[in-house]
Amino acid sequence: MIQLKDVHKSFGPKQVLDGFTLDVPEGETTVIIGYSGTGKSVAIKHIVGLLEPDSGEVWVDGLNVPELPRKELYELRSHIGYVFQFAALFDSFSIGENVAMGLRKQGRLSEREISERVDEALELVDLPNVRERFPAELSGGMRKRVGIARAIALRPKYILYDEPTTGLDPVTSAVIDQLMVRMREKLHVTGIVITHDMRSAYTVGTRIAMLYDGKVRWQGTVAEIKRADDPIVKQFIEGRPTVNGHGDAAKPAGSS
């Protein structure tokens, strides 16, 4: 289980997280929504130790992440797949080499086993014939799928998706959404998805949390958020520029 408890994080004078608290149930997909610049990506980077909180606690499977020695932190990361916003593929590496990168870094498998894992992962994201190609030869949606393949090749317990549909057309976005659902249902992976796309959030999420002013302002199921009466939440999910039509625009805070 992943738990963030009263996490505070500032960058200089800018307070990004201000008491952020969230429990992520196992076997589900928790979607974190919020305006651009509210700190959604900052929040999940604490889970893998890419950032440390100024105060507060970050727990993964009973381990206090900020206090882990380097070796134990690397071991924890081997159980967490991370899908970066723009796939973060290495242009000079083939697709197969990109997917194999994390497996080679772990140093636990033979080259034959790594090759089998790469084929398996690419098959799961419906890209069985691209391992010899290079990122520049693929569309944006295909590169996103390769990013997911690289994450699942590790056979992780958790996958963190950072804005996985950003920059994609609606049809390609829907393909990525269905892949995320497949990861949960077929591989039983617990997921956290960062997005401001409510169509995607409704499709992939089992629970949704809204980050606002550095805190979780609201959380619940997909059905519950559609009935939420919080004016800030309603404004966001309905895409309205004002709250209750009175010109009280919600103001995002922090940094993503």
C-alpha atoms as a PDB file:
ATOM      1  CA  MET A   1       0.000   0.000   0.000  1.00  0.00           C
ATOM      2  CA  ILE A   2       1.127   3.550  -0.751  1.00  0.00           C
ATOM      3  CA  GLN A   3       0.483   6.276   1.826  1.00  0.00           C
ATOM      4  CA  LEU A   4       1.453   9.938   1.819  1.00  0.00           C
ATOM      5  CA  LYS A   5       0.831  11.596   5.178  1.00  0.00           C
ATOM      6  CA  ASP A   6       0.779  15.372   5.701  1.00  0.00           C
ATOM      7  CA  VAL A   7       3.462  15.933   3.049  1.00  0.00           C
ATOM      8  CA  HIS A   8       4.815  19.461   2.672  1.00  0.00           C
ATOM      9  CA  LYS A   9       7.122  20.512  -0.163  1.00  0.00           C
ATOM     10  CA  SER A  10       8.371  23.947  -1.147  1.00  0.00           C
ATOM     11  CA  PHE A  11      10.692  25.174  -3.875  1.00  0.00           C
ATOM     12  CA  GLY A  12      12.160  28.406  -2.599  1.00  0.00           C
ATOM     13  CA  PRO A  13       9.285  30.647  -1.502  1.00  0.00           C
ATOM     14  CA  LYS A  14       6.692  28.625  -3.435  1.00  0.00           C
ATOM     15  CA  GLN A  15       4.689  26.167  -1.331  1.00  0.00           C
ATOM     16  CA  VAL A  16       3.643  23.314  -3.629  1.00  0.00           C
ATOM     17  CA  LEU A  17       2.384  20.629  -1.251  1.00  0.00           C
ATOM     18  CA  ASP A  18       0.873  21.857   1.991  1.00  0.00           C
ATOM     19  CA  GLY A  19      -0.333  18.868   3.984  1.00  0.00           C
ATOM     20  CA  PHE A  20      -0.911  16.427   1.113  1.00  0.00           C
ATOM     21  CA  THR A  21      -2.401  13.167   2.433  1.00  0.00           C
ATOM     22  CA  LEU A  22      -3.450  10.207   0.281  1.00  0.00           C
ATOM     23  CA  ASP A  23      -3.916   6.438   0.670  1.00  0.00           C
ATOM     24  CA  VAL A  24      -3.690   4.316  -2.492  1.00  0.00           C
ATOM     25  CA  PRO A  25      -5.599   1.019  -2.132  1.00  0.00           C
ATOM     26  CA  GLU A  26      -3.948  -2.031  -3.659  1.00  0.00           C
ATOM     27  CA  GLY A  27      -5.427  -3.438  -6.842  1.00  0.00           C
ATOM     28  CA  GLU A  28      -7.064  -0.146  -7.784  1.00  0.00           C
ATOM     29  CA  THR A  29      -6.198   2.832  -9.958  1.00  0.00           C
ATOM     30  CA  THR A  30      -6.178   6.145  -8.131  1.00  0.00           C
ATOM     31  CA  VAL A  31      -6.349   9.193 -10.372  1.00  0.00           C
ATOM     32  CA  ILE A  32      -5.001  12.512  -9.110  1.00  0.00           C
ATOM     33  CA  ILE A  33      -6.633  15.424 -10.904  1.00  0.00           C
ATOM     34  CA  GLY A  34      -6.066  19.151 -10.613  1.00  0.00           C
ATOM     35  CA  TYR A  35      -5.200  22.277 -12.512  1.00  0.00           C
ATOM     36  CA  SER A  36      -1.884  22.575 -14.337  1.00  0.00           C
ATOM     37  CA  GLY A  37       0.753  23.741 -11.888  1.00  0.00           C
ATOM     38  CA  THR A  38      -0.846  22.398  -8.719  1.00  0.00           C
ATOM     39  CA  GLY A  39       1.896  19.873  -7.906  1.00  0.00           C
ATOM     40  CA  LYS A  40       0.457  16.563  -9.084  1.00  0.00           C
ATOM     41  CA  SER A  41       3.763  15.364 -10.553  1.00  0.00           C
ATOM     42  CA  VAL A  42       5.625  16.655  -7.512  1.00  0.00           C
ATOM     43  CA  ALA A  43       3.417  14.474  -5.305  1.00  0.00           C
ATOM     44  CA  ILE A  44       4.131  11.188  -7.073  1.00  0.00           C
ATOM     45  CA  LYS A  45       7.862  11.831  -7.374  1.00  0.00           C
ATOM     46  CA  HIS A  46       7.992  11.472  -3.590  1.00  0.00           C
ATOM     47  CA  ILE A  47       6.810   7.862  -3.917  1.00  0.00           C
ATOM     48  CA  VAL A  48       9.963   6.763  -5.758  1.00  0.00           C
ATOM     49  CA  GLY A  49      12.304   9.036  -3.851  1.00  0.00           C
ATOM     50  CA  LEU A  50      12.959  11.436  -6.725  1.00  0.00           C
ATOM     51  CA  LEU A  51      11.954  14.154  -4.265  1.00  0.00           C
ATOM     52  CA  GLU A  52      12.018  14.202  -0.477  1.00  0.00           C
ATOM     53  CA  PRO A  53       9.356  15.986   1.572  1.00  0.00           C
ATOM     54  CA  ASP A  54      10.240  18.999   3.688  1.00  0.00           C
ATOM     55  CA  SER A  55       8.034  17.331   6.314  1.00  0.00           C
ATOM     56  CA  GLY A  56       5.520  14.519   6.405  1.00  0.00           C
ATOM     57  CA  GLU A  57       5.762  10.806   5.630  1.00  0.00           C
ATOM     58  CA  VAL A  58       5.804   8.681   2.483  1.00  0.00           C
ATOM     59  CA  TRP A  59       5.231   4.947   2.964  1.00  0.00           C
ATOM     60  CA  VAL A  60       5.295   2.133   0.410  1.00  0.00           C
ATOM     61  CA  ASP A  61       4.588  -1.389   1.676  1.00  0.00           C
ATOM     62  CA  GLY A  62       5.562  -0.401   5.202  1.00  0.00           C
ATOM     63  CA  LEU A  63       8.819   1.286   4.155  1.00  0.00           C
ATOM     64  CA  ASN A  64       9.430   4.947   4.951  1.00  0.00           C
ATOM     65  CA  VAL A  65      10.756   6.092   1.570  1.00  0.00           C
ATOM     66  CA  PRO A  66      12.703   9.244   2.592  1.00  0.00           C
ATOM     67  CA  GLU A  67      14.652   7.268   5.211  1.00  0.00           C
ATOM     68  CA  LEU A  68      15.653   4.334   2.997  1.00  0.00           C
ATOM     69  CA  PRO A  69      19.375   3.756   2.360  1.00  0.00           C
ATOM     70  CA  ARG A  70      20.304   3.996  -1.323  1.00  0.00           C
ATOM     71  CA  LYS A  71      20.422   0.207  -1.852  1.00  0.00           C
ATOM     72  CA  GLU A  72      16.979  -0.318  -0.323  1.00  0.00           C
ATOM     73  CA  LEU A  73      15.565   2.622  -2.296  1.00  0.00           C
ATOM     74  CA  TYR A  74      16.786   1.041  -5.547  1.00  0.00           C
ATOM     75  CA  GLU A  75      15.217  -2.252  -4.489  1.00  0.00           C
ATOM     76  CA  LEU A  76      11.905  -0.482  -3.844  1.00  0.00           C
ATOM     77  CA  ARG A  77      12.056   1.217  -7.243  1.00  0.00           C
ATOM     78  CA  SER A  78      12.344  -2.185  -8.907  1.00  0.00           C
ATOM     79  CA  HIS A  79       8.744  -2.794  -7.825  1.00  0.00           C
ATOM     80  CA  ILE A  80       7.444   0.529  -9.148  1.00  0.00           C
ATOM     81  CA  GLY A  81       7.062   1.294 -12.844  1.00  0.00           C
ATOM     82  CA  TYR A  82       7.139   4.982 -13.833  1.00  0.00           C
ATOM     83  CA  VAL A  83       5.633   6.175 -17.115  1.00  0.00           C
ATOM     84  CA  PHE A  84       6.958   9.654 -17.844  1.00  0.00           C
ATOM     85  CA  GLN A  85       4.850  12.384 -19.411  1.00  0.00           C
ATOM     86  CA  PHE A  86       6.672  12.354 -22.748  1.00  0.00           C
ATOM     87  CA  ALA A  87       7.779   8.685 -22.607  1.00  0.00           C
ATOM     88  CA  ALA A  88      11.442   9.709 -21.992  1.00  0.00           C
ATOM     89  CA  LEU A  89      12.841   7.250 -24.529  1.00  0.00           C
ATOM     90  CA  PHE A  90      16.490   7.390 -25.589  1.00  0.00           C
ATOM     91  CA  ASP A  91      16.600   8.305 -29.281  1.00  0.00           C
ATOM     92  CA  SER A  92      19.893   6.522 -29.917  1.00  0.00           C
ATOM     93  CA  PHE A  93      18.569   3.219 -28.536  1.00  0.00           C
ATOM     94  CA  SER A  94      16.259   0.856 -30.367  1.00  0.00           C
ATOM     95  CA  ILE A  95      12.824   0.228 -28.918  1.00  0.00           C
ATOM     96  CA  GLY A  96      13.971  -3.138 -27.623  1.00  0.00           C
ATOM     97  CA  GLU A  97      16.969  -1.545 -25.918  1.00  0.00           C
ATOM     98  CA  ASN A  98      14.750   1.118 -24.351  1.00  0.00           C
ATOM     99  CA  VAL A  99      12.378  -1.485 -22.932  1.00  0.00           C
ATOM    100  CA  ALA A 100      15.262  -3.634 -21.686  1.00  0.00           C
ATOM    101  CA  MET A 101      17.035  -0.759 -19.937  1.00  0.00           C
ATOM    102  CA  GLY A 102      15.547  -1.228 -16.479  1.00  0.00           C
ATOM    103  CA  LEU A 103      15.971  -4.991 -16.608  1.00  0.00           C
ATOM    104  CA  ARG A 104      19.658  -4.679 -17.493  1.00  0.00           C
ATOM    105  CA  LYS A 105      20.180  -2.163 -14.711  1.00  0.00           C
ATOM    106  CA  GLN A 106      18.752  -4.647 -12.205  1.00  0.00           C
ATOM    107  CA  GLY A 107      21.228  -7.287 -13.370  1.00  0.00           C
ATOM    108  CA  ARG A 108      19.054 -10.225 -12.332  1.00  0.00           C
ATOM    109  CA  LEU A 109      18.169 -11.794 -15.678  1.00  0.00           C
ATOM    110  CA  SER A 110      20.136 -13.403 -18.492  1.00  0.00           C
ATOM    111  CA  GLU A 111      20.085 -11.769 -21.929  1.00  0.00           C
ATOM    112  CA  ARG A 112      17.703 -14.474 -23.116  1.00  0.00           C
ATOM    113  CA  GLU A 113      15.317 -13.780 -20.254  1.00  0.00           C
ATOM    114  CA  ILE A 114      15.530 -10.039 -20.892  1.00  0.00           C
ATOM    115  CA  SER A 115      14.717 -10.578 -24.566  1.00  0.00           C
ATOM    116  CA  GLU A 116      11.686 -12.656 -23.614  1.00  0.00           C
ATOM    117  CA  ARG A 117      10.513  -9.967 -21.184  1.00  0.00           C
ATOM    118  CA  VAL A 118      10.880  -7.296 -23.872  1.00  0.00           C
ATOM    119  CA  ASP A 119       8.809  -9.314 -26.344  1.00  0.00           C
ATOM    120  CA  GLU A 120       6.192 -10.002 -23.685  1.00  0.00           C
ATOM    121  CA  ALA A 121       5.907  -6.335 -22.705  1.00  0.00           C
ATOM    122  CA  LEU A 122       5.663  -5.092 -26.282  1.00  0.00           C
ATOM    123  CA  GLU A 123       3.006  -7.712 -27.001  1.00  0.00           C
ATOM    124  CA  LEU A 124       0.964  -6.481 -24.017  1.00  0.00           C
ATOM    125  CA  VAL A 125       0.888  -2.937 -25.430  1.00  0.00           C
ATOM    126  CA  ASP A 126       0.059  -4.196 -28.940  1.00  0.00           C
ATOM    127  CA  LEU A 127       3.454  -3.354 -30.459  1.00  0.00           C
ATOM    128  CA  PRO A 128       4.895  -6.807 -31.208  1.00  0.00           C
ATOM    129  CA  ASN A 129       6.985  -5.848 -34.256  1.00  0.00           C
ATOM    130  CA  VAL A 130       8.812  -2.652 -33.294  1.00  0.00           C
ATOM    131  CA  ARG A 131      11.751  -3.769 -31.154  1.00  0.00           C
ATOM    132  CA  GLU A 132      14.325  -3.059 -33.891  1.00  0.00           C
ATOM    133  CA  ARG A 133      12.922   0.376 -34.711  1.00  0.00           C
ATOM    134  CA  PHE A 134      13.917   3.679 -33.114  1.00  0.00           C
ATOM    135  CA  PRO A 135      11.755   6.218 -31.243  1.00  0.00           C
ATOM    136  CA  ALA A 136      11.898   8.755 -34.090  1.00  0.00           C
ATOM    137  CA  GLU A 137      10.209   6.202 -36.347  1.00  0.00           C
ATOM    138  CA  LEU A 138       7.159   5.922 -34.087  1.00  0.00           C
ATOM    139  CA  SER A 139       4.129   8.146 -33.573  1.00  0.00           C
ATOM    140  CA  GLY A 140       3.587   9.939 -30.273  1.00  0.00           C
ATOM    141  CA  GLY A 141       1.004   7.382 -29.200  1.00  0.00           C
ATOM    142  CA  MET A 142       3.310   4.493 -30.015  1.00  0.00           C
ATOM    143  CA  ARG A 143       6.114   6.069 -27.999  1.00  0.00           C
ATOM    144  CA  LYS A 144       3.753   6.371 -25.039  1.00  0.00           C
ATOM    145  CA  ARG A 145       2.960   2.672 -25.361  1.00  0.00           C
ATOM    146  CA  VAL A 146       6.665   1.855 -25.422  1.00  0.00           C
ATOM    147  CA  GLY A 147       6.992   3.849 -22.192  1.00  0.00           C
ATOM    148  CA  ILE A 148       4.296   1.649 -20.653  1.00  0.00           C
ATOM    149  CA  ALA A 149       6.031  -1.472 -21.986  1.00  0.00           C
ATOM    150  CA  ARG A 150       9.291  -0.397 -20.336  1.00  0.00           C
ATOM    151  CA  ALA A 151       7.451   0.005 -17.031  1.00  0.00           C
ATOM    152  CA  ILE A 152       5.628  -3.332 -17.146  1.00  0.00           C
ATOM    153  CA  ALA A 153       8.725  -5.248 -18.275  1.00  0.00           C
ATOM    154  CA  LEU A 154       9.851  -4.965 -14.657  1.00  0.00           C
ATOM    155  CA  ARG A 155       6.650  -6.767 -13.592  1.00  0.00           C
ATOM    156  CA  PRO A 156       6.034  -4.077 -10.993  1.00  0.00           C
ATOM    157  CA  LYS A 157       3.515  -4.057  -8.192  1.00  0.00           C
ATOM    158  CA  TYR A 158       2.784  -0.387  -8.817  1.00  0.00           C
ATOM    159  CA  ILE A 159       2.792   1.829 -11.919  1.00  0.00           C
ATOM    160  CA  LEU A 160       2.842   5.629 -11.766  1.00  0.00           C
ATOM    161  CA  TYR A 161       1.558   7.342 -14.917  1.00  0.00           C
ATOM    162  CA  ASP A 162       2.467  11.037 -15.282  1.00  0.00           C
ATOM    163  CA  GLU A 163       0.038  12.718 -17.722  1.00  0.00           C
ATOM    164  CA  PRO A 164      -0.034   9.655 -20.020  1.00  0.00           C
ATOM    165  CA  THR A 165      -2.440  11.170 -22.594  1.00  0.00           C
ATOM    166  CA  THR A 166      -0.965  14.672 -22.828  1.00  0.00           C
ATOM    167  CA  GLY A 167      -0.462  15.781 -26.429  1.00  0.00           C
ATOM    168  CA  LEU A 168      -2.407  12.895 -27.950  1.00  0.00           C
ATOM    169  CA  ASP A 169      -5.485  13.037 -30.133  1.00  0.00           C
ATOM    170  CA  PRO A 170      -8.749  11.669 -28.656  1.00  0.00           C
ATOM    171  CA  VAL A 171      -8.551   8.302 -30.419  1.00  0.00           C
ATOM    172  CA  THR A 172      -4.951   7.666 -29.384  1.00  0.00           C
ATOM    173  CA  SER A 173      -5.760   8.842 -25.854  1.00  0.00           C
ATOM    174  CA  ALA A 174      -8.544   6.273 -25.690  1.00  0.00           C
ATOM    175  CA  VAL A 175      -6.065   3.549 -26.714  1.00  0.00           C
ATOM    176  CA  ILE A 176      -3.719   4.549 -23.865  1.00  0.00           C
ATOM    177  CA  ASP A 177      -6.652   4.597 -21.435  1.00  0.00           C
ATOM    178  CA  GLN A 178      -7.619   1.059 -22.388  1.00  0.00           C
ATOM    179  CA  LEU A 179      -4.023  -0.075 -21.927  1.00  0.00           C
ATOM    180  CA  MET A 180      -4.010   1.308 -18.393  1.00  0.00           C
ATOM    181  CA  VAL A 181      -7.236  -0.531 -17.627  1.00  0.00           C
ATOM    182  CA  ARG A 182      -5.698  -3.701 -19.078  1.00  0.00           C
ATOM    183  CA  MET A 183      -2.651  -3.367 -16.822  1.00  0.00           C
ATOM    184  CA  ARG A 184      -4.918  -3.337 -13.777  1.00  0.00           C
ATOM    185  CA  GLU A 185      -7.217  -6.124 -14.878  1.00  0.00           C
ATOM    186  CA  LYS A 186      -4.691  -8.483 -16.475  1.00  0.00           C
ATOM    187  CA  LEU A 187      -1.555  -7.835 -14.433  1.00  0.00           C
ATOM    188  CA  HIS A 188      -3.299  -6.748 -11.189  1.00  0.00           C
ATOM    189  CA  VAL A 189      -1.078  -3.677 -11.016  1.00  0.00           C
ATOM    190  CA  THR A 190      -1.952  -0.897  -8.596  1.00  0.00           C
ATOM    191  CA  GLY A 191      -1.836   2.407 -10.452  1.00  0.00           C
ATOM    192  CA  ILE A 192      -1.609   6.124  -9.817  1.00  0.00           C
ATOM    193  CA  VAL A 193      -2.499   8.314 -12.783  1.00  0.00           C
ATOM    194  CA  ILE A 194      -1.809  12.046 -12.958  1.00  0.00           C
ATOM    195  CA  THR A 195      -4.138  13.858 -15.358  1.00  0.00           C
ATOM    196  CA  HIS A 196      -6.365  16.853 -15.908  1.00  0.00           C
ATOM    197  CA  ASP A 197      -8.370  14.985 -18.570  1.00  0.00           C
ATOM    198  CA  MET A 198     -11.675  13.993 -16.965  1.00  0.00           C
ATOM    199  CA  ARG A 199     -12.648  11.668 -19.808  1.00  0.00           C
ATOM    200  CA  SER A 200      -9.488   9.700 -19.132  1.00  0.00           C
ATOM    201  CA  ALA A 201      -9.975   9.897 -15.359  1.00  0.00           C
ATOM    202  CA  TYR A 202     -13.481   8.438 -15.595  1.00  0.00           C
ATOM    203  CA  THR A 203     -12.247   5.620 -17.853  1.00  0.00           C
ATOM    204  CA  VAL A 204      -9.188   4.427 -15.945  1.00  0.00           C
ATOM    205  CA  GLY A 205      -9.885   5.397 -12.346  1.00  0.00           C
ATOM    206  CA  THR A 206     -11.483   3.408  -9.575  1.00  0.00           C
ATOM    207  CA  ARG A 207     -10.870   6.324  -7.203  1.00  0.00           C
ATOM    208  CA  ILE A 208     -10.237  10.011  -7.891  1.00  0.00           C
ATOM    209  CA  ALA A 209      -8.524  12.602  -5.701  1.00  0.00           C
ATOM    210  CA  MET A 210      -8.390  16.327  -6.480  1.00  0.00           C
ATOM    211  CA  LEU A 211      -5.270  18.273  -5.526  1.00  0.00           C
ATOM    212  CA  TYR A 212      -5.938  21.942  -4.792  1.00  0.00           C
ATOM    213  CA  ASP A 213      -3.957  24.495  -2.778  1.00  0.00           C
ATOM    214  CA  GLY A 214      -1.395  21.826  -1.906  1.00  0.00           C
ATOM    215  CA  LYS A 215      -3.889  19.424  -0.322  1.00  0.00           C
ATOM    216  CA  VAL A 216      -6.322  16.724  -1.352  1.00  0.00           C
ATOM    217  CA  ARG A 217      -9.505  18.766  -1.472  1.00  0.00           C
ATOM    218  CA  TRP A 218     -11.780  15.857  -2.391  1.00  0.00           C
ATOM    219  CA  GLN A 219     -11.552  12.098  -2.988  1.00  0.00           C
ATOM    220  CA  GLY A 220     -13.929   9.272  -3.735  1.00  0.00           C
ATOM    221  CA  THR A 221     -15.151   6.949  -6.463  1.00  0.00           C
ATOM    222  CA  VAL A 222     -15.917   7.926 -10.041  1.00  0.00           C
ATOM    223  CA  ALA A 223     -19.636   7.794  -9.310  1.00  0.00           C
ATOM    224  CA  GLU A 224     -19.192   9.966  -6.218  1.00  0.00           C
ATOM    225  CA  ILE A 225     -17.220  12.719  -7.928  1.00  0.00           C
ATOM    226  CA  LYS A 226     -19.915  13.091 -10.559  1.00  0.00           C
ATOM    227  CA  ARG A 227     -22.322  13.925  -7.712  1.00  0.00           C
ATOM    228  CA  ALA A 228     -19.882  16.120  -5.768  1.00  0.00           C
ATOM    229  CA  ASP A 229     -21.317  19.461  -4.654  1.00  0.00           C
ATOM    230  CA  ASP A 230     -17.965  21.134  -3.853  1.00  0.00           C
ATOM    231  CA  PRO A 231     -17.908  24.208  -6.149  1.00  0.00           C
ATOM    232  CA  ILE A 232     -14.182  23.920  -6.944  1.00  0.00           C
ATOM    233  CA  VAL A 233     -14.548  20.248  -7.826  1.00  0.00           C
ATOM    234  CA  LYS A 234     -17.635  20.898  -9.951  1.00  0.00           C
ATOM    235  CA  GLN A 235     -15.896  23.729 -11.771  1.00  0.00           C
ATOM    236  CA  PHE A 236     -12.958  21.491 -12.658  1.00  0.00           C
ATOM    237  CA  ILE A 237     -14.823  18.369 -13.753  1.00  0.00           C
ATOM    238  CA  GLU A 238     -17.337  20.389 -15.788  1.00  0.00           C
ATOM    239  CA  GLY A 239     -14.642  22.550 -17.355  1.00  0.00           C
ATOM    240  CA  ARG A 240     -16.287  25.817 -16.357  1.00  0.00           C
ATOM    241  CA  PRO A 241     -14.192  29.023 -16.145  1.00  0.00           C
ATOM    242  CA  THR A 242     -16.042  30.284 -13.052  1.00  0.00           C
ATOM    243  CA  VAL A 243     -17.498  28.850  -9.877  1.00  0.00           C
ATOM    244  CA  ASN A 244     -21.302  28.838  -9.848  1.00  0.00           C
ATOM    245  CA  GLY A 245     -21.320  31.392 -12.648  1.00  0.00           C
ATOM    246  CA  HIS A 246     -20.352  34.231 -10.256  1.00  0.00           C
ATOM    247  CA  GLY A 247     -16.910  34.939 -11.632  1.00  0.00           C
ATOM    248  CA  ASP A 248     -15.056  33.316  -8.741  1.00  0.00           C
ATOM    249  CA  ALA A 249     -12.413  31.551 -10.780  1.00  0.00           C
ATOM    250  CA  ALA A 250     -10.492  28.769  -9.059  1.00  0.00           C
ATOM    251  CA  LYS A 251      -6.841  29.651  -8.795  1.00  0.00           C
ATOM    252  CA  PRO A 252      -4.243  26.900  -9.113  1.00  0.00           C
ATOM    253  CA  ALA A 253      -1.289  27.031  -6.788  1.00  0.00           C
ATOM    254  CA  GLY A 254       2.191  25.612  -6.727  1.00  0.00           C
ATOM    255  CA  SER A 255       4.120  23.895  -9.470  1.00  0.00           C
ATOM    256  CA  SER A 256       3.622  20.665 -11.356  1.00  0.00           C
END
